[in-house]
């Protein structure tokens, strides 16, 4: 296995990880920003008001994007396993 093959696998894995995390974290980040703006405008400093909407948004994002996330992970794993004979000398 040469260095280019390892670097390519590493790059593909890191790209996949970033894409999977962004799909889950970005909606929660947006909801957290909206809730924080609401809290700043109304001067309500309740921790559960900030936590619960972000939790529900994250769960909803996982439910909605779950099949896509799983499909991407399975495709990458299958590609990785299929390429094992070509990487070993």
N, C-alpha and C. Protein backbone atom coordinates (compact mmCIF):
# COMPACT_ATOMS: atom_id res chain seq x y z
N UNK A 1 0.86 -1.16 0.00
CA UNK A 1 0.00 0.00 0.00
C UNK A 1 0.90 1.23 0.00
N UNK A 2 0.67 2.09 -0.95
CA UNK A 2 1.51 3.28 -1.03
C UNK A 2 0.89 4.45 -0.27
N UNK A 3 1.65 5.49 -0.15
CA UNK A 3 1.21 6.65 0.64
C UNK A 3 0.03 7.36 -0.01
N UNK A 4 -0.06 7.33 -1.31
CA UNK A 4 -1.17 8.01 -2.01
C UNK A 4 -2.49 7.31 -1.70
N UNK A 5 -2.48 5.99 -1.68
CA UNK A 5 -3.70 5.24 -1.38
C UNK A 5 -4.16 5.50 0.06
N UNK A 6 -3.21 5.55 0.97
CA UNK A 6 -3.55 5.84 2.37
C UNK A 6 -4.09 7.24 2.51
N UNK A 7 -3.47 8.20 1.85
CA UNK A 7 -3.93 9.59 1.92
C UNK A 7 -5.31 9.74 1.30
N UNK A 8 -5.57 9.03 0.23
CA UNK A 8 -6.89 9.10 -0.41
C UNK A 8 -7.97 8.50 0.49
N UNK A 9 -7.67 7.35 1.09
CA UNK A 9 -8.63 6.75 2.03
C UNK A 9 -8.89 7.67 3.20
N UNK A 10 -7.84 8.26 3.74
CA UNK A 10 -7.98 9.17 4.87
C UNK A 10 -8.81 10.39 4.48
N UNK A 11 -8.57 10.94 3.30
CA UNK A 11 -9.32 12.11 2.84
C UNK A 11 -10.80 11.77 2.67
N UNK A 12 -11.10 10.63 2.08
CA UNK A 12 -12.49 10.22 1.90
C UNK A 12 -13.18 9.99 3.25
N UNK A 13 -12.47 9.38 4.19
CA UNK A 13 -13.04 9.13 5.51
C UNK A 13 -13.31 10.44 6.25
N UNK A 14 -12.38 11.37 6.20
CA UNK A 14 -12.58 12.65 6.88
C UNK A 14 -13.72 13.45 6.24
N UNK A 15 -13.81 13.41 4.93
CA UNK A 15 -14.91 14.11 4.24
C UNK A 15 -16.26 13.51 4.65
N UNK A 16 -16.33 12.19 4.71
CA UNK A 16 -17.56 11.52 5.12
C UNK A 16 -17.93 11.88 6.56
N UNK A 17 -16.96 11.89 7.44
CA UNK A 17 -17.22 12.25 8.84
C UNK A 17 -17.75 13.67 8.95
N UNK A 18 -17.13 14.59 8.24
CA UNK A 18 -17.57 15.99 8.29
C UNK A 18 -18.99 16.12 7.75
N UNK A 19 -19.29 15.45 6.65
CA UNK A 19 -20.63 15.54 6.08
C UNK A 19 -21.69 14.95 7.03
N UNK A 20 -21.38 13.85 7.66
CA UNK A 20 -22.33 13.23 8.58
C UNK A 20 -22.57 14.10 9.81
N UNK A 21 -21.51 14.71 10.32
CA UNK A 21 -21.65 15.55 11.50
C UNK A 21 -22.38 16.84 11.18
N UNK A 22 -22.10 17.44 10.03
CA UNK A 22 -22.74 18.70 9.65
C UNK A 22 -24.25 18.53 9.52
N UNK A 23 -24.67 17.41 8.96
CA UNK A 23 -26.11 17.17 8.79
C UNK A 23 -26.82 17.11 10.14
N UNK A 24 -26.16 16.64 11.16
CA UNK A 24 -26.78 16.53 12.48
C UNK A 24 -26.62 17.83 13.28
N UNK A 25 -25.47 18.46 13.21
CA UNK A 25 -25.16 19.61 14.07
C UNK A 25 -25.72 20.92 13.54
N UNK A 26 -25.76 21.12 12.23
CA UNK A 26 -26.18 22.41 11.68
C UNK A 26 -27.60 22.81 12.07
N UNK A 27 -28.60 21.92 11.98
CA UNK A 27 -29.94 22.34 12.44
C UNK A 27 -29.98 22.69 13.92
N UNK A 28 -29.25 21.96 14.73
CA UNK A 28 -29.20 22.26 16.15
C UNK A 28 -28.54 23.61 16.41
N UNK A 29 -27.53 23.93 15.63
CA UNK A 29 -26.86 25.22 15.75
C UNK A 29 -27.80 26.37 15.42
N UNK A 30 -28.58 26.21 14.35
CA UNK A 30 -29.53 27.24 13.96
C UNK A 30 -30.60 27.43 15.02
N UNK A 31 -31.15 26.34 15.53
CA UNK A 31 -32.17 26.43 16.57
C UNK A 31 -31.59 27.05 17.84
N UNK A 32 -30.38 26.68 18.20
CA UNK A 32 -29.73 27.27 19.36
C UNK A 32 -29.54 28.77 19.21
N UNK A 33 -29.20 29.22 18.01
CA UNK A 33 -29.04 30.65 17.75
C UNK A 33 -30.37 31.39 17.89
N UNK A 34 -31.43 30.79 17.36
CA UNK A 34 -32.75 31.42 17.46
C UNK A 34 -33.21 31.48 18.92
N UNK A 35 -33.03 30.41 19.65
CA UNK A 35 -33.44 30.38 21.06
C UNK A 35 -32.60 31.36 21.88
N UNK A 36 -31.31 31.44 21.61
CA UNK A 36 -30.46 32.38 22.33
C UNK A 36 -30.86 33.81 22.05
N UNK A 37 -31.22 34.10 20.81
CA UNK A 37 -31.69 35.45 20.47
C UNK A 37 -32.99 35.76 21.20
N UNK A 38 -33.88 34.78 21.26
CA UNK A 38 -35.14 34.95 21.99
C UNK A 38 -34.86 35.19 23.48
N UNK A 39 -33.95 34.42 24.05
CA UNK A 39 -33.62 34.58 25.46
C UNK A 39 -32.99 35.95 25.74
N UNK A 40 -32.15 36.41 24.83
CA UNK A 40 -31.52 37.72 25.02
C UNK A 40 -32.56 38.84 24.91
N UNK A 41 -33.51 38.67 24.01
CA UNK A 41 -34.53 39.71 23.82
C UNK A 41 -35.49 39.77 25.00
N UNK A 42 -35.82 38.63 25.57
CA UNK A 42 -36.79 38.59 26.67
C UNK A 42 -36.13 38.52 28.05
N UNK A 43 -34.82 38.40 28.11
CA UNK A 43 -34.04 38.29 29.34
C UNK A 43 -34.48 37.10 30.20
N UNK A 44 -34.84 36.02 29.52
CA UNK A 44 -35.15 34.76 30.20
C UNK A 44 -33.88 33.92 30.20
N UNK A 45 -33.41 33.53 31.35
CA UNK A 45 -32.18 32.75 31.45
C UNK A 45 -32.46 31.35 31.97
N UNK A 46 -33.35 30.67 31.34
CA UNK A 46 -33.69 29.31 31.74
C UNK A 46 -32.88 28.33 30.88
N UNK A 47 -32.13 27.43 31.52
CA UNK A 47 -31.27 26.50 30.80
C UNK A 47 -32.07 25.48 29.99
N UNK A 48 -33.20 25.03 30.52
CA UNK A 48 -33.97 24.03 29.79
C UNK A 48 -34.60 24.61 28.53
N UNK A 49 -34.84 25.92 28.51
CA UNK A 49 -35.38 26.55 27.31
C UNK A 49 -34.37 26.49 26.17
N UNK A 50 -33.12 26.48 26.50
CA UNK A 50 -32.07 26.37 25.48
C UNK A 50 -31.80 24.92 25.10
N UNK A 51 -31.85 24.03 26.07
CA UNK A 51 -31.45 22.64 25.84
C UNK A 51 -32.49 21.82 25.10
N UNK A 52 -33.73 21.92 25.50
CA UNK A 52 -34.78 21.06 24.94
C UNK A 52 -35.01 21.25 23.44
N UNK A 53 -35.11 22.48 22.92
CA UNK A 53 -35.28 22.61 21.47
C UNK A 53 -34.10 22.07 20.66
N UNK A 54 -32.89 22.27 21.17
CA UNK A 54 -31.73 21.72 20.46
C UNK A 54 -31.73 20.20 20.48
N UNK A 55 -32.11 19.61 21.60
CA UNK A 55 -32.19 18.16 21.70
C UNK A 55 -33.23 17.61 20.73
N UNK A 56 -34.40 18.21 20.71
CA UNK A 56 -35.46 17.74 19.81
C UNK A 56 -35.07 17.93 18.35
N UNK A 57 -34.41 19.03 18.05
CA UNK A 57 -33.96 19.27 16.67
C UNK A 57 -32.92 18.24 16.25
N UNK A 58 -32.01 17.92 17.15
CA UNK A 58 -30.99 16.91 16.84
C UNK A 58 -31.63 15.54 16.62
N UNK A 59 -32.56 15.17 17.47
CA UNK A 59 -33.25 13.89 17.29
C UNK A 59 -34.04 13.86 15.99
N UNK A 60 -34.71 14.96 15.67
CA UNK A 60 -35.47 15.04 14.42
C UNK A 60 -34.54 14.95 13.22
N UNK A 61 -33.38 15.60 13.29
CA UNK A 61 -32.41 15.53 12.19
C UNK A 61 -31.89 14.11 12.00
N UNK A 62 -31.66 13.40 13.10
CA UNK A 62 -31.19 12.01 13.00
C UNK A 62 -32.27 11.13 12.41
N UNK A 63 -33.52 11.36 12.80
CA UNK A 63 -34.62 10.56 12.26
C UNK A 63 -34.80 10.80 10.77
N UNK A 64 -34.75 12.08 10.37
CA UNK A 64 -34.95 12.42 8.96
C UNK A 64 -33.76 11.99 8.10
N UNK A 65 -32.54 12.29 8.56
CA UNK A 65 -31.35 12.03 7.75
C UNK A 65 -30.73 10.67 8.03
N UNK A 66 -31.29 9.91 8.95
CA UNK A 66 -30.72 8.62 9.33
C UNK A 66 -30.49 7.66 8.18
N UNK A 67 -31.49 7.45 7.31
CA UNK A 67 -31.26 6.53 6.18
C UNK A 67 -30.13 6.99 5.26
N UNK A 68 -30.05 8.29 5.01
CA UNK A 68 -28.98 8.82 4.16
C UNK A 68 -27.62 8.64 4.83
N UNK A 69 -27.56 8.93 6.14
CA UNK A 69 -26.32 8.78 6.88
C UNK A 69 -25.85 7.32 6.86
N UNK A 70 -26.76 6.42 7.13
CA UNK A 70 -26.42 5.00 7.16
C UNK A 70 -26.01 4.50 5.78
N UNK A 71 -26.71 4.94 4.74
CA UNK A 71 -26.36 4.53 3.38
C UNK A 71 -24.95 4.97 3.02
N UNK A 72 -24.58 6.21 3.38
CA UNK A 72 -23.23 6.70 3.07
C UNK A 72 -22.17 5.92 3.84
N UNK A 73 -22.43 5.62 5.10
CA UNK A 73 -21.46 4.84 5.88
C UNK A 73 -21.30 3.43 5.33
N UNK A 74 -22.41 2.79 4.94
CA UNK A 74 -22.36 1.44 4.41
C UNK A 74 -21.63 1.43 3.06
N UNK A 75 -21.90 2.42 2.19
CA UNK A 75 -21.23 2.48 0.90
C UNK A 75 -19.72 2.66 1.07
N UNK A 76 -19.33 3.53 2.00
CA UNK A 76 -17.90 3.74 2.24
C UNK A 76 -17.25 2.47 2.77
N UNK A 77 -17.92 1.80 3.70
CA UNK A 77 -17.38 0.57 4.27
C UNK A 77 -17.27 -0.53 3.21
N UNK A 78 -18.28 -0.66 2.36
CA UNK A 78 -18.23 -1.65 1.29
C UNK A 78 -17.10 -1.34 0.32
N UNK A 79 -16.93 -0.07 -0.01
CA UNK A 79 -15.85 0.33 -0.91
C UNK A 79 -14.49 0.03 -0.28
N UNK A 80 -14.38 0.30 1.01
CA UNK A 80 -13.13 0.05 1.71
C UNK A 80 -12.80 -1.44 1.75
N UNK A 81 -13.80 -2.26 2.06
CA UNK A 81 -13.58 -3.71 2.12
C UNK A 81 -13.31 -4.28 0.73
N UNK A 82 -13.98 -3.77 -0.28
CA UNK A 82 -13.76 -4.26 -1.65
C UNK A 82 -12.36 -3.92 -2.15
N UNK A 83 -11.78 -2.85 -1.66
CA UNK A 83 -10.45 -2.43 -2.13
C UNK A 83 -9.30 -3.03 -1.33
N UNK A 84 -9.59 -3.82 -0.33
CA UNK A 84 -8.53 -4.43 0.49
C UNK A 84 -7.56 -5.28 -0.36
N UNK A 85 -8.05 -6.13 -1.26
CA UNK A 85 -7.09 -6.94 -2.06
C UNK A 85 -6.17 -6.10 -2.92
N UNK A 86 -6.60 -4.94 -3.36
CA UNK A 86 -5.78 -4.10 -4.21
C UNK A 86 -4.77 -3.28 -3.40
N UNK A 87 -5.01 -3.17 -2.11
CA UNK A 87 -4.12 -2.37 -1.26
C UNK A 87 -3.01 -3.20 -0.62
N UNK A 88 -3.22 -4.51 -0.53
CA UNK A 88 -2.22 -5.38 0.09
C UNK A 88 -1.35 -5.97 -1.01
N UNK A 89 -0.06 -5.94 -0.80
CA UNK A 89 0.84 -6.45 -1.84
C UNK A 89 1.07 -7.91 -1.69
